[in-house]
Structure formats: structure tokens, C-alpha cells
């Protein structure tokens, strides 16, 4: 089993980072390798996650022994307790500052929008990997991915807003179209009524003209009949007069 000696804090951190699974780190004392209890607990949890062991000479601790094996679970529990306590205190402080109007939140890192969108597009296309994209934007991973999430959320908001505006415009267009169609129907009905009225008047005038023409034809026929009758009467009287003259 590999055993790495770490005399100070820097060597302790390097030993944990480079330790192979199953290896062990030996220190003189806890105080020699950590500035605070929180730092030591964090380092021990990291060491445990890598499957390593720890030997503390001054404290007489050896995680490889049956009794020392309790070190890692105890340190992990204390680490989680301390971290949750820090988070609770931080949240409490933020809430108190907000209630007093003093908390403004972390100032966002200024990034040119056009540059950010250009780099993200190149990253999505595979032209850049994430590390290269972050380097160009000078952003840390959490900020980089948070900005991408914010960008996508903003695009979705813009899309929904545009969709809402298009639907509103369509509704207005349909409403206006129905109104215009109604007005057109009214206009067509009015024009049809006028056409019918004109047609009825023309038909009535045609009937009057037809009656006048009939009356004129009837009058002419009666006139011709009267003339013929008058001619017959004249001819008859002429014949009677001629007979009378012959008899004398």
C-alpha cells in the first residue's frame, strides 16, 4: 500500500490529489495540515471519496484500523453539519439584508451579448469545446452554463411573446375580416334591393307602354272599322240615289 507523507497543508492537498486508490496519507498532526477544522474536514471527505486512508501521528489515528475506520464517517457527518450550518447562516443573513434593503445580490459579470451568442453558437456547432468557449468569454463553468440557461429562457420568452403577438394579430385580422364581410353583405343587399326596385320600375313602365300600345292598336282598328262602315254606308246611299234617278 502506498503511503505518502505530508508535513504541511500544501503537501497534504497535493498528496490527496495525487493519491491512488487504496493509498494512505500520513501527517504529523491535524493542526500541521489545516488552518481550520472546516478545511480539515473537507480534505478528509475528499480523501475518503478517493478510497484513501489517513494516519495522524500526534492524535494516534489510523483509518486502516477497526477503531480508526470510524474517522471517515464521523468527519463526513461533521462536514455536512458544518456546511448546512454555513448555508443556513448565509440564507439567514441574506434574508435579513433583504428585509433591510441592503442585499443587492451578486453583481453580474459583464459580457458582450453579441460575443456571447457568437461563442455559444460556435460551441453548439462543435467548433469550440466548453473550455475554449469559457476562455474566450473569461467565464467560470457555473457562470457560463448559467448564462446559457438564461439565454435559452430569454429566447423562449421572446418566442412566446412573438407567438402571442402573432395570435393577437390573427385574431384582430379575423375580427376585422368578419366585420368587413358583414359590411359587404349589407352593401350587396342594399345594391340588390336597388336593382330589384329599378327592375320593378322598368317592368311597370314596360307594362304601361304595352297597355298604351294595345289601346293605340285597338283605337286604330276601331277607326279602320268606322271608315269601312262609313264607306259602305256612302256606297249604299249612292246606289239608292242612282236608282231613284233612273226611275224618274
Protein backbone atom coordinates (compact mmCIF):
# COMPACT_ATOMS: atom_id res chain seq x y z
CA UNK A 1 0.00 0.00 0.00
CA UNK A 2 1.33 3.42 -0.99
CA UNK A 3 1.93 5.74 2.00
CA UNK A 4 2.55 9.45 1.27
CA UNK A 5 3.91 11.74 3.96
CA UNK A 6 2.50 15.27 4.10
CA UNK A 7 4.24 17.65 6.51
CA UNK A 8 2.13 20.73 5.80
CA UNK A 9 -1.15 21.95 4.33
CA UNK A 10 0.14 22.31 0.77
CA UNK A 11 1.71 18.87 0.76
CA UNK A 12 -1.45 17.41 2.29
CA UNK A 13 -3.63 18.78 -0.53
CA UNK A 14 -1.14 17.60 -3.19
CA UNK A 15 -0.94 14.14 -1.60
CA UNK A 16 -4.71 13.74 -1.66
CA UNK A 17 -4.94 14.90 -5.30
CA UNK A 18 -2.23 12.51 -6.48
CA UNK A 19 -3.10 9.56 -4.26
CA UNK A 20 -4.03 6.30 -5.95
CA UNK A 21 -6.98 4.24 -4.80
CA UNK A 22 -6.09 2.28 -1.68
CA UNK A 23 -3.17 4.57 -0.78
CA UNK A 24 -2.64 6.29 2.54
CA UNK A 25 -1.58 9.78 3.64
CA UNK A 26 0.46 10.21 6.82
CA UNK A 27 0.57 13.52 8.73
CA UNK A 28 2.20 14.63 11.93
CA UNK A 29 -0.89 16.36 13.31
CA UNK A 30 -4.19 17.85 12.21
CA UNK A 31 -3.03 21.38 13.03
CA UNK A 32 0.03 20.98 10.78
CA UNK A 33 -2.01 20.37 7.63
CA UNK A 34 -5.07 22.59 8.05
CA UNK A 35 -5.79 26.16 9.06
CA UNK A 36 -9.27 25.36 10.32
CA UNK A 37 -11.46 22.45 11.31
CA UNK A 38 -13.58 23.04 8.21
CA UNK A 39 -10.56 22.76 5.91
CA UNK A 40 -9.50 19.50 7.55
CA UNK A 41 -12.98 18.00 7.35
CA UNK A 42 -13.25 18.94 3.66
CA UNK A 43 -9.85 17.35 2.90
CA UNK A 44 -10.73 14.14 4.79
CA UNK A 45 -14.05 13.80 2.93
CA UNK A 46 -12.19 14.21 -0.37
CA UNK A 47 -9.65 11.58 0.74
CA UNK A 48 -12.44 9.19 1.72
CA UNK A 49 -14.16 9.67 -1.65
CA UNK A 50 -10.91 8.60 -3.37
CA UNK A 51 -10.79 5.45 -1.25
CA UNK A 52 -7.62 6.51 0.60
CA UNK A 53 -6.52 6.14 4.21
CA UNK A 54 -5.21 8.59 6.81
CA UNK A 55 -2.70 8.27 9.62
CA UNK A 56 -2.36 11.09 12.20
CA UNK A 57 0.75 10.56 14.36
CA UNK A 58 0.03 13.03 17.19
CA UNK A 59 -3.63 12.11 17.52
CA UNK A 60 -2.94 8.38 17.24
CA UNK A 61 -5.47 7.91 14.43
CA UNK A 62 -5.16 5.25 11.74
CA UNK A 63 -8.17 4.84 9.47
CA UNK A 64 -6.89 1.41 8.46
CA UNK A 65 -7.61 0.05 11.93
CA UNK A 66 -11.01 -1.08 13.17
CA UNK A 67 -11.28 1.82 15.57
CA UNK A 68 -9.81 4.37 13.12
CA UNK A 69 -12.30 3.33 10.43
CA UNK A 70 -14.87 5.43 12.27
CA UNK A 71 -12.88 8.56 11.35
CA UNK A 72 -14.26 8.98 7.87
CA UNK A 73 -17.99 8.62 8.70
CA UNK A 74 -17.53 10.96 11.67
CA UNK A 75 -15.68 13.56 9.62
CA UNK A 76 -18.26 13.35 6.83
CA UNK A 77 -21.10 13.89 9.29
CA UNK A 78 -19.31 16.86 10.87
CA UNK A 79 -18.52 18.28 7.41
CA UNK A 80 -22.14 18.05 6.28
CA UNK A 81 -23.29 19.56 9.56
CA UNK A 82 -20.90 22.47 9.25
CA UNK A 83 -21.79 23.05 5.59
CA UNK A 84 -25.53 23.02 6.28
CA UNK A 85 -24.91 25.40 9.19
CA UNK A 86 -22.98 27.76 6.91
CA UNK A 87 -25.70 27.63 4.29
CA UNK A 88 -28.37 28.29 6.91
CA UNK A 89 -26.42 31.23 8.33
CA UNK A 90 -25.82 32.57 4.82
CA UNK A 91 -29.50 32.31 3.90
CA UNK A 92 -30.47 33.94 7.18
CA UNK A 93 -28.04 36.78 6.56
CA UNK A 94 -29.32 37.29 3.03
CA UNK A 95 -32.93 37.35 4.18
CA UNK A 96 -32.08 39.82 6.92
CA UNK A 97 -30.20 42.04 4.46
CA UNK A 98 -33.09 41.86 2.00
CA UNK A 99 -35.58 42.85 4.69
CA UNK A 100 -33.37 45.84 5.48
CA UNK A 101 -32.98 46.67 1.78
CA UNK A 102 -29.22 46.15 1.85
CA UNK A 103 -28.89 42.96 -0.21
CA UNK A 104 -28.48 43.62 -3.90
CA UNK A 105 -27.21 40.19 -4.89
CA UNK A 106 -24.00 39.38 -6.71
CA UNK A 107 -23.16 41.87 -9.42
CA UNK A 108 -23.45 40.06 -12.77
CA UNK A 109 -20.30 39.69 -14.85
CA UNK A 110 -20.47 41.98 -17.86
CA UNK A 111 -20.35 40.03 -21.13
CA UNK A 112 -20.96 41.42 -24.60
CA UNK A 113 -24.22 39.86 -25.82
CA UNK A 114 -23.13 39.55 -29.46
CA UNK A 115 -19.81 37.97 -28.46
CA UNK A 116 -21.54 35.60 -26.04
CA UNK A 117 -24.11 34.44 -28.59
CA UNK A 118 -21.40 34.04 -31.26
CA UNK A 119 -19.21 31.92 -28.98
CA UNK A 120 -22.17 29.84 -27.78
CA UNK A 121 -23.17 29.20 -31.41
CA UNK A 122 -19.64 28.01 -32.20
CA UNK A 123 -19.69 25.83 -29.08
CA UNK A 124 -23.03 24.27 -30.01
CA UNK A 125 -21.81 23.58 -33.56
CA UNK A 126 -18.76 21.73 -32.19
CA UNK A 127 -16.26 24.30 -33.44
CA UNK A 128 -15.25 25.02 -29.82
CA UNK A 129 -15.27 22.84 -26.74
CA UNK A 130 -16.64 24.16 -23.45
CA UNK A 131 -13.21 25.04 -22.05
CA UNK A 132 -12.30 27.07 -25.14
CA UNK A 133 -15.64 28.88 -25.09
CA UNK A 134 -15.23 29.75 -21.41
CA UNK A 135 -11.69 31.01 -22.06
CA UNK A 136 -12.86 33.29 -24.86
CA UNK A 137 -15.62 34.72 -22.66
CA UNK A 138 -13.46 34.71 -19.50
CA UNK A 139 -16.23 32.95 -17.58
CA UNK A 140 -16.18 30.20 -14.98
CA UNK A 141 -18.16 27.00 -15.70
CA UNK A 142 -21.08 27.80 -13.39
CA UNK A 143 -21.41 31.32 -14.86
CA UNK A 144 -21.02 30.04 -18.43
CA UNK A 145 -23.75 27.42 -18.12
CA UNK A 146 -25.99 29.76 -16.13
CA UNK A 147 -25.72 32.37 -18.86
CA UNK A 148 -26.58 29.74 -21.48
CA UNK A 149 -29.66 28.76 -19.48
CA UNK A 150 -30.66 32.41 -19.16
CA UNK A 151 -30.12 32.88 -22.92
CA UNK A 152 -32.34 29.88 -23.73
CA UNK A 153 -35.00 31.07 -21.28
CA UNK A 154 -34.93 34.54 -22.84
CA UNK A 155 -35.24 33.03 -26.33
CA UNK A 156 -38.22 31.02 -25.14
CA UNK A 157 -39.80 34.15 -23.63
CA UNK A 158 -39.19 36.05 -26.86
CA UNK A 159 -40.68 33.17 -28.87
CA UNK A 160 -43.77 33.03 -26.64
CA UNK A 161 -44.14 36.81 -26.85
CA UNK A 162 -43.84 36.70 -30.63
CA UNK A 163 -46.34 33.81 -30.77
CA UNK A 164 -48.74 35.79 -28.57
CA UNK A 165 -48.40 38.87 -30.80
CA UNK A 166 -48.95 36.81 -33.97
CA UNK A 167 -52.05 35.18 -32.49
CA UNK A 168 -53.36 38.58 -31.41
CA UNK A 169 -52.78 39.96 -34.91
CA UNK A 170 -54.52 36.94 -36.45
CA UNK A 171 -57.49 37.37 -34.11
CA UNK A 172 -57.68 41.06 -34.99
CA UNK A 173 -57.42 40.24 -38.69
CA UNK A 174 -60.19 37.61 -38.43
CA UNK A 175 -62.34 40.01 -36.43
CA UNK A 176 -61.76 42.78 -38.97
CA UNK A 177 -62.42 40.36 -41.83
CA UNK A 178 -65.73 39.31 -40.29
CA UNK A 179 -66.67 42.96 -39.83
CA UNK A 180 -65.72 43.80 -43.43
CA UNK A 181 -67.65 40.77 -44.68
CA UNK A 182 -70.70 41.87 -42.73
CA UNK A 183 -70.45 45.37 -44.19
CA UNK A 184 -70.02 43.91 -47.68
CA UNK A 185 -73.11 41.76 -47.20
CA UNK A 186 -75.08 44.82 -46.15
CA UNK A 187 -73.83 46.71 -49.19
CA UNK A 188 -74.68 43.81 -51.52
CA UNK A 189 -78.17 43.54 -50.01
CA UNK A 190 -78.71 47.28 -50.44
CA UNK A 191 -77.48 47.19 -54.04
CA UNK A 192 -79.63 44.13 -54.77
CA UNK A 193 -82.62 45.95 -53.31
CA UNK A 194 -81.93 48.95 -55.53
CA UNK A 195 -81.53 46.71 -58.57
CA UNK A 196 -84.82 44.97 -57.80
CA UNK A 197 -86.53 48.30 -57.33
CA UNK A 198 -85.17 49.56 -60.65
CA UNK A 199 -86.17 46.32 -62.34
CA UNK A 200 -89.69 46.55 -60.90
CA UNK A 201 -89.98 50.14 -62.08
CA UNK A 202 -88.78 49.17 -65.56
CA UNK A 203 -91.22 46.26 -65.61
CA UNK A 204 -94.05 48.53 -64.53
CA UNK A 205 -93.10 51.07 -67.22
CA UNK A 206 -92.97 48.27 -69.77
CA UNK A 207 -96.47 47.16 -68.75
CA UNK A 208 -97.75 50.73 -69.12
CA UNK A 209 -96.18 51.04 -72.56
CA UNK A 210 -97.67 47.70 -73.56
CA UNK A 211 -101.14 48.81 -72.47
CA UNK A 212 -100.74 52.10 -74.35
CA UNK A 213 -99.68 50.19 -77.43
CA UNK A 214 -102.69 47.88 -77.09
CA UNK A 215 -105.02 50.87 -76.73
CA UNK A 216 -103.48 52.52 -79.78
CA UNK A 217 -103.87 49.34 -81.84
CA UNK A 218 -107.47 48.95 -80.64
CA UNK A 219 -108.21 52.59 -81.47
CA UNK A 220 -106.69 52.24 -84.89
CA UNK A 221 -108.70 49.08 -85.54
CA UNK A 222 -111.92 50.83 -84.46
CA UNK A 223 -111.04 53.77 -86.68
CA UNK A 224 -110.48 51.49 -89.67
CA UNK A 225 -113.77 49.69 -88.96
CA UNK A 226 -115.56 53.02 -88.75
CA UNK A 227 -114.07 54.19 -92.03
CA UNK A 228 -115.05 50.94 -93.74
CA UNK A 229 -118.57 51.17 -92.37
CA UNK A 230 -118.81 54.81 -93.45
CA UNK A 231 -117.63 53.84 -96.93
CA UNK A 232 -120.26 51.08 -97.09
CA UNK A 233 -122.96 53.50 -95.98
CA UNK A 234 -121.90 56.05 -98.61
CA UNK A 235 -121.85 53.40 -101.33
CA UNK A 236 -125.33 52.17 -100.29
CA UNK A 237 -126.76 55.70 -100.32
CA UNK A 238 -125.12 56.29 -103.71
CA UNK A 239 -126.81 53.19 -105.12
CA UNK A 240 -130.21 54.23 -103.74
CA UNK A 241 -129.83 57.68 -105.15
CA UNK A 242 -128.89 56.28 -108.56
CA UNK A 243 -131.97 54.01 -108.58
CA UNK A 244 -134.21 56.91 -107.75
CA UNK A 245 -132.78 58.94 -110.60
CA UNK A 246 -133.23 56.06 -113.07
CA UNK A 247 -136.87 55.54 -112.06
CA UNK A 248 -137.72 59.14 -112.75
